[in-house]
Amino acid sequence: MLSQFRNRRYLCGLLINIFLTKKMIMKTINFKKVFTATALLLTVGYASAFTPEIRVSGDNKIELKIGNVSETTQLVIKDLNGFTFYTETISKSIDGYSKVFDLTVLPDGKYEVEIDGSVKIVSFPINIVDDKIAATGINKLETYKPIIYEKGSKVYVSKFNLDNKPLSITILNSDNAVVYEETLKGKADSGRVYKFLKSGDYQISMISNDKTYNKTVSIQK
């Protein structure tokens, strides 16, 4: 009995310590109170995003064009199982980017051309039927990434959320311990401002629409 009592008291003390530690590390600021700041962050970040376009060129060829490559981006051609057939790093260029890809070697099936930038992912689903790209055309799908901006002891987290999916946010300290977590309801403009009360390196992990985004921030008091 004495041993059980000690164990319970130890666990109770441990839980209280964890709670107090989390409370000492950070606090949240209501997003509505800082809407102007986060809206500006969204506008500046997403305005600089690239705008790729794809057109079918012949039975088995596609042409990818990016008018102004404002940042280094990653290009991947893959199947729906995630197997990669082609990858390329596209360097920043005001002259843009243009390339024709011959997909003759790909068997019938469903594929995806994905262009991954700092603020959004643009993907083009491609369906090959009878050794030809399906005549239904290629639709562009855009997924916006969360934008994280740090200033002093505050970290701004914003996401342009066209599909209204929930945004799960988890913050871990340098020991990989969770110090804060929450899930924001699906809204067109989801965001938070976190004020950290303790210096150090933290990892912010966000999950939305089955995609995970991670970023490490350094807080200096």
N, C-alpha and C. Protein backbone atom coordinates (compact mmCIF):
# COMPACT_ATOMS: atom_id res chain seq x y z
N MET A 1 0.82 -1.21 0.00
CA MET A 1 0.00 0.00 0.00
C MET A 1 0.86 1.26 0.00
N LEU A 2 1.91 1.26 0.82
CA LEU A 2 2.79 2.42 0.90
C LEU A 2 3.48 2.66 -0.44
N SER A 3 3.88 1.54 -1.08
CA SER A 3 4.54 1.64 -2.37
C SER A 3 3.60 2.21 -3.42
N GLN A 4 2.32 1.76 -3.43
CA GLN A 4 1.35 2.26 -4.38
C GLN A 4 1.08 3.75 -4.16
N PHE A 5 1.00 4.13 -2.88
CA PHE A 5 0.76 5.54 -2.54
C PHE A 5 1.90 6.42 -3.06
N ARG A 6 3.13 5.94 -2.86
CA ARG A 6 4.29 6.70 -3.32
C ARG A 6 4.28 6.83 -4.84
N ASN A 7 3.94 5.72 -5.54
CA ASN A 7 3.89 5.76 -7.00
C ASN A 7 2.85 6.74 -7.50
N ARG A 8 1.67 6.73 -6.85
CA ARG A 8 0.61 7.65 -7.25
C ARG A 8 1.02 9.10 -7.01
N ARG A 9 1.67 9.34 -5.84
CA ARG A 9 2.10 10.70 -5.53
C ARG A 9 3.17 11.16 -6.53
N TYR A 10 4.04 10.22 -6.91
CA TYR A 10 5.09 10.54 -7.89
C TYR A 10 4.47 10.90 -9.24
N LEU A 11 3.49 10.08 -9.70
CA LEU A 11 2.85 10.33 -10.98
C LEU A 11 2.09 11.65 -10.96
N CYS A 12 1.41 11.91 -9.84
CA CYS A 12 0.67 13.17 -9.70
C CYS A 12 1.63 14.36 -9.78
N GLY A 13 2.75 14.25 -9.08
CA GLY A 13 3.74 15.32 -9.12
C GLY A 13 4.33 15.51 -10.49
N LEU A 14 4.51 14.40 -11.22
CA LEU A 14 5.07 14.46 -12.56
C LEU A 14 4.10 15.17 -13.50
N LEU A 15 2.81 14.84 -13.41
CA LEU A 15 1.81 15.48 -14.26
C LEU A 15 1.72 16.97 -13.99
N ILE A 16 1.76 17.34 -12.72
CA ILE A 16 1.72 18.76 -12.36
C ILE A 16 2.94 19.49 -12.91
N ASN A 17 4.10 18.84 -12.83
CA ASN A 17 5.34 19.44 -13.34
C ASN A 17 5.27 19.65 -14.84
N ILE A 18 4.72 18.64 -15.56
CA ILE A 18 4.59 18.77 -17.01
C ILE A 18 3.66 19.92 -17.36
N PHE A 19 2.52 20.01 -16.63
CA PHE A 19 1.56 21.08 -16.89
C PHE A 19 2.19 22.45 -16.66
N LEU A 20 2.91 22.60 -15.55
CA LEU A 20 3.53 23.88 -15.25
C LEU A 20 4.61 24.22 -16.26
N THR A 21 5.36 23.19 -16.71
CA THR A 21 6.40 23.43 -17.69
C THR A 21 5.82 23.96 -18.98
N LYS A 22 4.71 23.35 -19.42
CA LYS A 22 4.06 23.81 -20.65
C LYS A 22 3.59 25.25 -20.49
N LYS A 23 3.04 25.55 -19.33
CA LYS A 23 2.51 26.89 -19.11
C LYS A 23 3.62 27.93 -19.08
N MET A 24 4.80 27.55 -18.57
CA MET A 24 5.92 28.48 -18.49
C MET A 24 6.54 28.72 -19.85
N ILE A 25 6.44 27.74 -20.76
CA ILE A 25 7.13 27.85 -22.04
C ILE A 25 6.42 28.81 -22.98
N MET A 26 5.09 28.78 -23.04
CA MET A 26 4.42 29.58 -24.04
C MET A 26 2.97 29.84 -23.66
N LYS A 27 2.41 30.81 -24.38
CA LYS A 27 0.98 31.06 -24.28
C LYS A 27 0.49 31.45 -25.67
N THR A 28 -0.81 31.29 -25.92
CA THR A 28 -1.36 31.63 -27.23
C THR A 28 -2.02 32.98 -27.18
N ILE A 29 -2.06 33.61 -28.34
CA ILE A 29 -2.75 34.89 -28.48
C ILE A 29 -3.89 34.67 -29.47
N ASN A 30 -5.07 35.11 -29.14
CA ASN A 30 -6.22 34.90 -30.00
C ASN A 30 -5.95 35.42 -31.40
N PHE A 31 -6.21 34.55 -32.40
CA PHE A 31 -5.94 34.91 -33.79
C PHE A 31 -6.74 36.14 -34.24
N LYS A 32 -7.96 36.27 -33.74
CA LYS A 32 -8.79 37.39 -34.16
C LYS A 32 -8.17 38.72 -33.78
N LYS A 33 -7.44 38.77 -32.68
CA LYS A 33 -6.84 40.01 -32.22
C LYS A 33 -5.66 40.44 -33.08
N VAL A 34 -5.12 39.50 -33.83
CA VAL A 34 -3.96 39.83 -34.66
C VAL A 34 -4.25 39.49 -36.11
N PHE A 35 -5.52 39.60 -36.51
CA PHE A 35 -5.92 39.22 -37.86
C PHE A 35 -5.17 40.02 -38.91
N THR A 36 -4.97 41.33 -38.67
CA THR A 36 -4.31 42.19 -39.65
C THR A 36 -2.90 41.70 -39.92
N ALA A 37 -2.17 41.34 -38.87
CA ALA A 37 -0.78 40.88 -39.03
C ALA A 37 -0.72 39.58 -39.81
N THR A 38 -1.58 38.63 -39.47
CA THR A 38 -1.54 37.34 -40.15
C THR A 38 -2.07 37.44 -41.56
N ALA A 39 -3.06 38.31 -41.78
CA ALA A 39 -3.57 38.50 -43.14
C ALA A 39 -2.49 39.09 -44.04
N LEU A 40 -1.72 40.02 -43.50
CA LEU A 40 -0.61 40.59 -44.25
C LEU A 40 0.43 39.53 -44.56
N LEU A 41 0.69 38.67 -43.60
CA LEU A 41 1.65 37.58 -43.78
C LEU A 41 1.20 36.66 -44.90
N LEU A 42 -0.10 36.32 -44.91
CA LEU A 42 -0.64 35.47 -45.96
C LEU A 42 -0.52 36.14 -47.32
N THR A 43 -0.87 37.43 -47.38
CA THR A 43 -0.84 38.15 -48.65
C THR A 43 0.56 38.22 -49.24
N VAL A 44 1.54 38.58 -48.42
CA VAL A 44 2.93 38.70 -48.88
C VAL A 44 3.47 37.34 -49.31
N GLY A 45 3.21 36.31 -48.51
CA GLY A 45 3.75 34.99 -48.81
C GLY A 45 3.16 34.38 -50.06
N TYR A 46 1.83 34.40 -50.17
CA TYR A 46 1.18 33.72 -51.28
C TYR A 46 1.24 34.51 -52.58
N ALA A 47 1.40 35.83 -52.46
CA ALA A 47 1.51 36.65 -53.67
C ALA A 47 2.76 36.33 -54.45
N SER A 48 3.80 35.86 -53.76
CA SER A 48 5.07 35.56 -54.42
C SER A 48 5.14 34.13 -54.95
N ALA A 49 4.04 33.36 -54.80
CA ALA A 49 4.06 31.96 -55.20
C ALA A 49 4.07 31.82 -56.72
N PHE A 50 4.63 30.74 -57.20
CA PHE A 50 4.74 30.45 -58.62
C PHE A 50 3.38 30.00 -59.18
N THR A 51 3.23 30.11 -60.52
CA THR A 51 1.98 29.71 -61.17
C THR A 51 2.29 28.83 -62.38
N PRO A 52 2.53 27.53 -62.17
CA PRO A 52 2.84 26.64 -63.29
C PRO A 52 1.60 26.27 -64.11
N GLU A 53 1.82 25.95 -65.36
CA GLU A 53 0.75 25.49 -66.25
C GLU A 53 1.27 24.32 -67.07
N ILE A 54 0.37 23.40 -67.41
CA ILE A 54 0.73 22.23 -68.23
C ILE A 54 -0.25 22.11 -69.38
N ARG A 55 0.27 21.77 -70.56
CA ARG A 55 -0.60 21.48 -71.70
C ARG A 55 -0.12 20.20 -72.38
N VAL A 56 -1.06 19.47 -72.96
CA VAL A 56 -0.72 18.24 -73.67
C VAL A 56 -0.13 18.61 -75.02
N SER A 57 1.02 18.00 -75.34
CA SER A 57 1.70 18.27 -76.61
C SER A 57 1.90 16.94 -77.33
N GLY A 58 0.94 16.56 -78.17
CA GLY A 58 1.00 15.26 -78.83
C GLY A 58 0.33 14.20 -77.96
N ASP A 59 0.38 12.95 -78.40
CA ASP A 59 -0.30 11.87 -77.69
C ASP A 59 0.30 11.58 -76.32
N ASN A 60 1.63 11.65 -76.22
CA ASN A 60 2.30 11.22 -75.00
C ASN A 60 3.27 12.27 -74.43
N LYS A 61 3.06 13.52 -74.78
CA LYS A 61 3.96 14.55 -74.30
C LYS A 61 3.18 15.64 -73.57
N ILE A 62 3.84 16.20 -72.58
CA ILE A 62 3.28 17.35 -71.88
C ILE A 62 4.33 18.45 -71.82
N GLU A 63 3.87 19.69 -71.83
CA GLU A 63 4.77 20.83 -71.72
C GLU A 63 4.46 21.58 -70.43
N LEU A 64 5.48 21.72 -69.60
CA LEU A 64 5.33 22.44 -68.34
C LEU A 64 5.94 23.82 -68.48
N LYS A 65 5.18 24.84 -68.09
CA LYS A 65 5.67 26.22 -68.13
C LYS A 65 5.43 26.90 -66.80
N ILE A 66 6.45 27.63 -66.36
CA ILE A 66 6.32 28.48 -65.18
C ILE A 66 6.78 29.87 -65.60
N GLY A 67 5.86 30.83 -65.60
CA GLY A 67 6.16 32.15 -66.14
C GLY A 67 7.30 32.87 -65.43
N ASN A 68 7.27 32.85 -64.13
CA ASN A 68 8.32 33.51 -63.35
C ASN A 68 8.65 32.63 -62.16
N VAL A 69 9.80 32.01 -62.19
CA VAL A 69 10.20 31.14 -61.09
C VAL A 69 10.78 32.03 -60.00
N SER A 70 9.92 32.42 -59.05
CA SER A 70 10.32 33.38 -58.03
C SER A 70 11.10 32.75 -56.88
N GLU A 71 11.22 31.42 -56.91
CA GLU A 71 11.94 30.71 -55.85
C GLU A 71 12.38 29.35 -56.38
N THR A 72 13.35 28.76 -55.71
CA THR A 72 13.77 27.41 -56.08
C THR A 72 12.65 26.42 -55.73
N THR A 73 12.26 25.61 -56.71
CA THR A 73 11.16 24.66 -56.51
C THR A 73 11.60 23.26 -56.90
N GLN A 74 10.84 22.28 -56.43
CA GLN A 74 11.14 20.88 -56.71
C GLN A 74 10.07 20.30 -57.61
N LEU A 75 10.49 19.68 -58.71
CA LEU A 75 9.57 19.05 -59.66
C LEU A 75 9.69 17.53 -59.53
N VAL A 76 8.53 16.87 -59.44
CA VAL A 76 8.50 15.40 -59.32
C VAL A 76 7.39 14.86 -60.20
N ILE A 77 7.70 13.80 -60.95
CA ILE A 77 6.68 13.04 -61.68
C ILE A 77 6.61 11.66 -61.03
N LYS A 78 5.44 11.28 -60.54
CA LYS A 78 5.31 10.05 -59.77
C LYS A 78 3.95 9.39 -60.04
N ASP A 79 3.85 8.10 -59.63
CA ASP A 79 2.55 7.45 -59.72
C ASP A 79 1.81 7.63 -58.40
N LEU A 80 0.60 7.09 -58.31
CA LEU A 80 -0.21 7.30 -57.11
C LEU A 80 0.29 6.52 -55.91
N ASN A 81 1.23 5.60 -56.14
CA ASN A 81 1.84 4.87 -55.02
C ASN A 81 3.06 5.59 -54.47
N GLY A 82 3.38 6.73 -55.07
CA GLY A 82 4.52 7.51 -54.60
C GLY A 82 5.83 7.16 -55.27
N PHE A 83 5.81 6.22 -56.25
CA PHE A 83 7.06 5.86 -56.94
C PHE A 83 7.44 6.99 -57.88
N THR A 84 8.68 7.48 -57.76
CA THR A 84 9.14 8.63 -58.53
C THR A 84 9.82 8.20 -59.83
N PHE A 85 9.36 8.77 -60.94
CA PHE A 85 9.96 8.49 -62.25
C PHE A 85 10.92 9.60 -62.68
N TYR A 86 10.70 10.79 -62.17
CA TYR A 86 11.55 11.91 -62.56
C TYR A 86 11.54 12.96 -61.46
N THR A 87 12.71 13.55 -61.23
CA THR A 87 12.79 14.65 -60.25
C THR A 87 13.79 15.69 -60.75
N GLU A 88 13.52 16.94 -60.43
CA GLU A 88 14.40 18.04 -60.87
C GLU A 88 14.23 19.22 -59.93
N THR A 89 15.35 19.87 -59.63
CA THR A 89 15.31 21.11 -58.87
C THR A 89 15.34 22.27 -59.85
N ILE A 90 14.29 23.08 -59.82
CA ILE A 90 14.17 24.22 -60.73
C ILE A 90 14.69 25.46 -60.01
N SER A 91 15.71 26.05 -60.57
CA SER A 91 16.33 27.22 -59.95
C SER A 91 15.51 28.49 -60.20
N LYS A 92 15.66 29.44 -59.30
CA LYS A 92 14.99 30.72 -59.43
C LYS A 92 15.41 31.41 -60.71
N SER A 93 14.42 31.94 -61.45
CA SER A 93 14.74 32.58 -62.73
C SER A 93 13.60 33.51 -63.15
N ILE A 94 13.92 34.75 -63.46
CA ILE A 94 12.89 35.69 -63.94
C ILE A 94 12.49 35.36 -65.38
N ASP A 95 13.32 34.57 -66.07
CA ASP A 95 13.00 34.18 -67.45
C ASP A 95 12.01 33.03 -67.51
N GLY A 96 11.73 32.44 -66.36
CA GLY A 96 10.77 31.35 -66.32
C GLY A 96 11.38 30.00 -66.64
N TYR A 97 10.50 29.02 -66.77
CA TYR A 97 10.92 27.64 -67.00
C TYR A 97 9.97 27.01 -68.00
N SER A 98 10.54 26.24 -68.94
CA SER A 98 9.72 25.55 -69.94
C SER A 98 10.42 24.25 -70.34
N LYS A 99 9.69 23.15 -70.33
CA LYS A 99 10.27 21.87 -70.73
C LYS A 99 9.16 20.93 -71.19
N VAL A 100 9.49 20.13 -72.20
CA VAL A 100 8.56 19.13 -72.73
C VAL A 100 8.99 17.76 -72.21
N PHE A 101 8.04 17.00 -71.69
CA PHE A 101 8.32 15.67 -71.15
C PHE A 101 7.61 14.61 -72.00
N ASP A 102 8.39 13.63 -72.45
CA ASP A 102 7.85 12.52 -73.22
C ASP A 102 7.50 11.38 -72.26
N LEU A 103 6.20 11.07 -72.17
CA LEU A 103 5.73 10.06 -71.23
C LEU A 103 5.46 8.71 -71.91
N THR A 104 6.05 8.51 -73.09
CA THR A 104 5.81 7.29 -73.85
C THR A 104 6.18 6.04 -73.06
N VAL A 105 7.24 6.11 -72.26
CA VAL A 105 7.73 4.93 -71.55
C VAL A 105 6.83 4.53 -70.38
N LEU A 106 5.91 5.40 -69.98
CA LEU A 106 5.05 5.09 -68.85
C LEU A 106 3.88 4.20 -69.28
N PRO A 107 3.62 3.13 -68.54
CA PRO A 107 2.48 2.26 -68.86
C PRO A 107 1.16 2.95 -68.51
N ASP A 108 0.06 2.36 -68.95
CA ASP A 108 -1.26 2.90 -68.61
C ASP A 108 -1.40 3.01 -67.09
N GLY A 109 -2.00 4.09 -66.65
CA GLY A 109 -2.18 4.28 -65.21
C GLY A 109 -2.37 5.74 -64.89
N LYS A 110 -2.43 6.03 -63.58
CA LYS A 110 -2.63 7.39 -63.11
C LYS A 110 -1.33 7.92 -62.50
N TYR A 111 -0.97 9.14 -62.90
CA TYR A 111 0.28 9.74 -62.47
C TYR A 111 0.03 11.17 -61.98
N GLU A 112 1.09 11.78 -61.49
CA GLU A 112 0.98 13.14 -60.95
C GLU A 112 2.27 13.90 -61.20
N VAL A 113 2.13 15.09 -61.76
CA VAL A 113 3.26 16.02 -61.87
C VAL A 113 3.11 17.01 -60.73
N GLU A 114 4.10 17.06 -59.85
CA GLU A 114 4.01 17.88 -58.64
C GLU A 114 5.13 18.90 -58.61
N ILE A 115 4.76 20.16 -58.39
CA ILE A 115 5.74 21.24 -58.25
C ILE A 115 5.61 21.77 -56.82
N ASP A 116 6.68 21.62 -56.07
CA ASP A 116 6.67 21.91 -54.64
C ASP A 116 7.50 23.16 -54.36
N GLY A 117 6.83 24.21 -53.88
CA GLY A 117 7.51 25.45 -53.52
C GLY A 117 7.44 25.70 -52.03
N SER A 118 7.85 26.88 -51.61
CA SER A 118 7.91 27.17 -50.18
C SER A 118 6.54 27.43 -49.56
N VAL A 119 5.58 27.92 -50.36
CA VAL A 119 4.28 28.26 -49.79
C VAL A 119 3.12 27.43 -50.35
N LYS A 120 3.34 26.73 -51.45
CA LYS A 120 2.27 25.90 -51.96
C LYS A 120 2.80 24.75 -52.81
N ILE A 121 1.96 23.73 -52.96
CA ILE A 121 2.25 22.58 -53.82
C ILE A 121 1.21 22.57 -54.93
N VAL A 122 1.67 22.55 -56.17
CA VAL A 122 0.78 22.49 -57.32
C VAL A 122 0.95 21.12 -57.97
N SER A 123 -0.16 20.41 -58.16
CA SER A 123 -0.08 19.08 -58.77
C SER A 123 -1.04 18.99 -59.94
N PHE A 124 -0.62 18.20 -60.93
CA PHE A 124 -1.41 17.98 -62.13
C PHE A 124 -1.63 16.47 -62.29
N PRO A 125 -2.83 15.95 -62.02
CA PRO A 125 -3.10 14.53 -62.24
C PRO A 125 -3.11 14.21 -63.74
N ILE A 126 -2.46 13.12 -64.10
CA ILE A 126 -2.38 12.70 -65.50
C ILE A 126 -2.82 11.25 -65.60
N ASN A 127 -3.72 10.98 -66.53
CA ASN A 127 -4.24 9.63 -66.74
C ASN A 127 -3.84 9.14 -68.12
N ILE A 128 -3.07 8.05 -68.17
CA ILE A 128 -2.64 7.48 -69.44
C ILE A 128 -3.49 6.24 -69.73
N VAL A 129 -4.19 6.27 -70.87
CA VAL A 129 -5.07 5.17 -71.28
C VAL A 129 -4.73 4.78 -72.71
N ASP A 130 -4.51 3.48 -72.93
CA ASP A 130 -4.15 2.98 -74.27
C ASP A 130 -2.93 3.71 -74.82
N ASP A 131 -1.94 3.89 -73.95
CA ASP A 131 -0.67 4.52 -74.32
C ASP A 131 -0.81 5.97 -74.74
N LYS A 132 -1.91 6.60 -74.34
CA LYS A 132 -2.10 8.00 -74.66
C LYS A 132 -2.61 8.74 -73.42
N ILE A 133 -2.24 10.03 -73.33
CA ILE A 133 -2.76 10.86 -72.25
C ILE A 133 -4.25 11.08 -72.49
N ALA A 134 -5.06 10.79 -71.48
CA ALA A 134 -6.51 10.89 -71.61
C ALA A 134 -6.93 12.26 -72.10
N ALA A 135 -7.92 12.28 -72.98
CA ALA A 135 -8.35 13.51 -73.63
C ALA A 135 -9.19 14.39 -72.73
N THR A 136 -9.42 13.97 -71.49
CA THR A 136 -10.27 14.75 -70.58
C THR A 136 -9.57 16.03 -70.11
N GLY A 137 -8.28 16.14 -70.41
CA GLY A 137 -7.56 17.35 -70.01
C GLY A 137 -6.87 17.18 -68.67
N ILE A 138 -6.09 18.20 -68.28
CA ILE A 138 -5.32 18.16 -67.05
C ILE A 138 -5.76 19.31 -66.15
N ASN A 139 -6.25 18.96 -64.98
CA ASN A 139 -6.70 19.97 -64.03
C ASN A 139 -5.61 20.26 -63.00
N LYS A 140 -5.51 21.51 -62.60
CA LYS A 140 -4.50 21.92 -61.62
C LYS A 140 -5.08 21.88 -60.22
N LEU A 141 -4.34 21.25 -59.31
CA LEU A 141 -4.74 21.19 -57.91
C LEU A 141 -3.71 21.95 -57.08
N GLU A 142 -4.16 22.86 -56.22
CA GLU A 142 -3.26 23.66 -55.41
C GLU A 142 -3.49 23.40 -53.93
N THR A 143 -2.40 23.13 -53.22
CA THR A 143 -2.45 22.96 -51.78
C THR A 143 -1.50 23.97 -51.15
N TYR A 144 -2.04 24.84 -50.32
CA TYR A 144 -1.21 25.87 -49.71
C TYR A 144 -0.60 25.37 -48.41
N LYS A 145 0.67 25.65 -48.25
CA LYS A 145 1.38 25.26 -47.04
C LYS A 145 1.18 26.31 -45.94
N PRO A 146 1.34 25.91 -44.69
CA PRO A 146 1.33 26.92 -43.62
C PRO A 146 2.55 27.84 -43.75
N ILE A 147 2.36 29.10 -43.39
CA ILE A 147 3.47 30.05 -43.36
C ILE A 147 3.82 30.31 -41.90
N ILE A 148 5.08 30.19 -41.58
CA ILE A 148 5.55 30.41 -40.21
C ILE A 148 6.54 31.57 -40.21
N TYR A 149 6.27 32.53 -39.37
CA TYR A 149 7.12 33.71 -39.28
C TYR A 149 7.43 33.98 -37.82
N GLU A 150 8.70 34.10 -37.50
CA GLU A 150 9.09 34.34 -36.11
C GLU A 150 9.66 35.74 -35.93
N LYS A 151 9.30 36.37 -34.82
CA LYS A 151 9.79 37.70 -34.51
C LYS A 151 9.92 37.81 -33.00
N GLY A 152 11.16 37.83 -32.53
CA GLY A 152 11.41 37.89 -31.10
C GLY A 152 10.91 36.64 -30.41
N SER A 153 10.02 36.82 -29.46
CA SER A 153 9.48 35.68 -28.72
C SER A 153 8.15 35.20 -29.29
N LYS A 154 7.72 35.79 -30.42
CA LYS A 154 6.45 35.42 -31.02
C LYS A 154 6.64 34.65 -32.32
N VAL A 155 5.78 33.68 -32.55
CA VAL A 155 5.77 32.92 -33.79
C VAL A 155 4.38 32.99 -34.39
N TYR A 156 4.31 33.45 -35.64
CA TYR A 156 3.05 33.57 -36.36
C TYR A 156 2.87 32.34 -37.25
N VAL A 157 1.73 31.69 -37.16
CA VAL A 157 1.41 30.54 -38.00
C VAL A 157 0.12 30.83 -38.75
N SER A 158 0.17 30.78 -40.08
CA SER A 158 -1.01 31.06 -40.90
C SER A 158 -1.10 30.06 -42.04
N LYS A 159 -2.34 29.80 -42.47
CA LYS A 159 -2.54 28.89 -43.61
C LYS A 159 -3.77 29.32 -44.40
N PHE A 160 -3.57 29.48 -45.69
CA PHE A 160 -4.67 29.76 -46.60
C PHE A 160 -5.34 28.43 -46.90
N ASN A 161 -6.56 28.27 -46.46
CA ASN A 161 -7.20 26.95 -46.39
C ASN A 161 -8.43 26.89 -47.30
N LEU A 162 -8.21 26.69 -48.60
CA LEU A 162 -9.31 26.69 -49.55
C LEU A 162 -10.26 25.50 -49.35
N ASP A 163 -9.71 24.36 -48.91
CA ASP A 163 -10.54 23.17 -48.76
C ASP A 163 -11.15 23.05 -47.36
N ASN A 164 -10.93 24.06 -46.52
CA ASN A 164 -11.53 24.09 -45.17
C ASN A 164 -11.22 22.84 -44.34
N LYS A 165 -10.02 22.33 -44.46
CA LYS A 165 -9.61 21.18 -43.67
C LYS A 165 -9.02 21.64 -42.33
N PRO A 166 -9.20 20.86 -41.26
CA PRO A 166 -8.62 21.23 -39.96
C PRO A 166 -7.09 21.28 -40.04
N LEU A 167 -6.50 22.12 -39.21
CA LEU A 167 -5.04 22.25 -39.14
C LEU A 167 -4.59 21.87 -37.73
N SER A 168 -3.88 20.75 -37.62
CA SER A 168 -3.37 20.29 -36.33
C SER A 168 -1.96 20.84 -36.12
N ILE A 169 -1.72 21.46 -34.98
CA ILE A 169 -0.43 22.08 -34.67
C ILE A 169 0.14 21.45 -33.40
N THR A 170 1.38 20.98 -33.51
CA THR A 170 2.07 20.43 -32.35
C THR A 170 3.43 21.11 -32.23
N ILE A 171 3.76 21.56 -31.02
CA ILE A 171 5.04 22.23 -30.77
C ILE A 171 5.86 21.39 -29.81
N LEU A 172 7.10 21.08 -30.22
CA LEU A 172 7.99 20.26 -29.41
C LEU A 172 9.24 21.06 -29.06
N ASN A 173 9.80 20.79 -27.88
CA ASN A 173 11.03 21.46 -27.49
C ASN A 173 12.24 20.69 -27.98
N SER A 174 13.43 21.13 -27.59
CA SER A 174 14.67 20.51 -28.07
C SER A 174 14.85 19.08 -27.57
N ASP A 175 14.10 18.70 -26.54
CA ASP A 175 14.13 17.32 -26.04
C ASP A 175 13.08 16.45 -26.70
N ASN A 176 12.42 17.00 -27.73
CA ASN A 176 11.39 16.29 -28.48
C ASN A 176 10.14 16.01 -27.63
N ALA A 177 9.94 16.81 -26.60
CA ALA A 177 8.76 16.68 -25.75
C ALA A 177 7.69 17.67 -26.22
N VAL A 178 6.45 17.23 -26.24
CA VAL A 178 5.35 18.08 -26.67
C VAL A 178 5.07 19.13 -25.59
N VAL A 179 5.14 20.41 -25.98
CA VAL A 179 4.87 21.49 -25.02
C VAL A 179 3.52 22.15 -25.30
N TYR A 180 2.99 21.94 -26.51
CA TYR A 180 1.68 22.49 -26.82
C TYR A 180 1.13 21.83 -28.07
N GLU A 181 -0.18 21.62 -28.10
CA GLU A 181 -0.82 21.10 -29.30
C GLU A 181 -2.28 21.53 -29.33
N GLU A 182 -2.77 21.74 -30.53
CA GLU A 182 -4.17 22.09 -30.73
C GLU A 182 -4.55 21.83 -32.18
N THR A 183 -5.85 21.78 -32.45
CA THR A 183 -6.36 21.61 -33.80
C THR A 183 -7.30 22.76 -34.12
N LEU A 184 -6.98 23.49 -35.20
CA LEU A 184 -7.81 24.61 -35.61
C LEU A 184 -8.88 24.11 -36.56
N LYS A 185 -10.09 24.60 -36.38
CA LYS A 185 -11.20 24.19 -37.25
C LYS A 185 -10.95 24.68 -38.67
N GLY A 186 -11.51 23.93 -39.62
CA GLY A 186 -11.31 24.27 -41.01
C GLY A 186 -11.94 25.61 -41.38
N LYS A 187 -11.10 26.59 -41.67
CA LYS A 187 -11.56 27.90 -42.11
C LYS A 187 -10.68 28.35 -43.27
N ALA A 188 -11.17 29.32 -44.05
CA ALA A 188 -10.40 29.79 -45.19
C ALA A 188 -9.08 30.40 -44.77
N ASP A 189 -9.06 31.02 -43.59
CA ASP A 189 -7.82 31.65 -43.10
C ASP A 189 -7.60 31.20 -41.66
N SER A 190 -6.83 30.14 -41.48
CA SER A 190 -6.55 29.62 -40.15
C SER A 190 -5.20 30.17 -39.68
N GLY A 191 -5.13 30.52 -38.40
CA GLY A 191 -3.85 31.03 -37.91
C GLY A 191 -3.82 31.23 -36.41
N ARG A 192 -2.61 31.35 -35.90
CA ARG A 192 -2.37 31.61 -34.49
C ARG A 192 -1.09 32.42 -34.35
N VAL A 193 -0.98 33.09 -33.21
CA VAL A 193 0.28 33.72 -32.81
C VAL A 193 0.64 33.15 -31.45
N TYR A 194 1.83 32.58 -31.36
CA TYR A 194 2.28 31.97 -30.11
C TYR A 194 3.39 32.84 -29.51
N LYS A 195 3.25 33.13 -28.22
CA LYS A 195 4.29 33.86 -27.51
C LYS A 195 5.03 32.90 -26.59
N PHE A 196 6.32 32.72 -26.86
CA PHE A 196 7.13 31.80 -26.08
C PHE A 196 7.73 32.52 -24.88
N LEU A 197 7.66 31.90 -23.73
CA LEU A 197 8.16 32.50 -22.51
C LEU A 197 9.54 31.98 -22.13
N LYS A 198 10.09 31.12 -22.97
CA LYS A 198 11.40 30.53 -22.67
C LYS A 198 12.20 30.40 -23.96
N SER A 199 13.47 30.81 -23.94
CA SER A 199 14.33 30.71 -25.12
C SER A 199 14.63 29.26 -25.44
N GLY A 200 15.01 29.03 -26.70
CA GLY A 200 15.39 27.69 -27.11
C GLY A 200 14.92 27.37 -28.52
N ASP A 201 15.25 26.17 -28.98
CA ASP A 201 14.83 25.69 -30.30
C ASP A 201 13.57 24.85 -30.15
N TYR A 202 12.61 25.11 -31.03
CA TYR A 202 11.35 24.38 -31.01
C TYR A 202 11.01 23.91 -32.41
N GLN A 203 10.36 22.77 -32.50
CA GLN A 203 9.88 22.27 -33.79
C GLN A 203 8.37 22.41 -33.83
N ILE A 204 7.89 23.05 -34.90
CA ILE A 204 6.45 23.20 -35.09
C ILE A 204 6.03 22.22 -36.18
N SER A 205 5.18 21.29 -35.82
CA SER A 205 4.70 20.26 -36.74
C SER A 205 3.22 20.50 -37.02
N MET A 206 2.87 20.57 -38.29
CA MET A 206 1.48 20.85 -38.68
C MET A 206 0.99 19.80 -39.66
N ILE A 207 -0.24 19.38 -39.46
CA ILE A 207 -0.86 18.37 -40.33
C ILE A 207 -2.18 18.93 -40.86
N SER A 208 -2.33 18.91 -42.18
CA SER A 208 -3.57 19.35 -42.81
C SER A 208 -3.76 18.59 -44.11
N ASN A 209 -4.96 18.06 -44.29
CA ASN A 209 -5.29 17.34 -45.53
C ASN A 209 -4.29 16.22 -45.81
N ASP A 210 -3.91 15.48 -44.76
CA ASP A 210 -3.01 14.32 -44.85
C ASP A 210 -1.58 14.68 -45.24
N LYS A 211 -1.23 15.94 -45.17
CA LYS A 211 0.14 16.36 -45.45
C LYS A 211 0.75 16.94 -44.16
N THR A 212 2.03 16.62 -43.94
CA THR A 212 2.72 17.07 -42.73
C THR A 212 3.79 18.10 -43.10
N TYR A 213 3.83 19.19 -42.33
CA TYR A 213 4.81 20.25 -42.54
C TYR A 213 5.55 20.50 -41.22
N ASN A 214 6.88 20.56 -41.30
CA ASN A 214 7.68 20.77 -40.09
C ASN A 214 8.62 21.96 -40.28
N LYS A 215 8.81 22.70 -39.20
CA LYS A 215 9.78 23.78 -39.22
C LYS A 215 10.34 24.00 -37.82
N THR A 216 11.65 24.25 -37.75
CA THR A 216 12.31 24.53 -36.49
C THR A 216 12.50 26.04 -36.34
N VAL A 217 12.13 26.56 -35.17
CA VAL A 217 12.31 27.98 -34.88
C VAL A 217 13.21 28.15 -33.67
N SER A 218 13.97 29.22 -33.65
CA SER A 218 14.86 29.53 -32.53
C SER A 218 14.36 30.77 -31.82
N ILE A 219 13.98 30.63 -30.58
CA ILE A 219 13.43 31.74 -29.80
C ILE A 219 14.53 32.36 -28.96
N GLN A 220 14.70 33.66 -29.10
CA GLN A 220 15.68 34.39 -28.33
C GLN A 220 14.96 35.43 -27.50
N LYS A 221 15.09 35.35 -26.20
CA LYS A 221 14.42 36.29 -25.30
C LYS A 221 15.32 37.52 -25.08
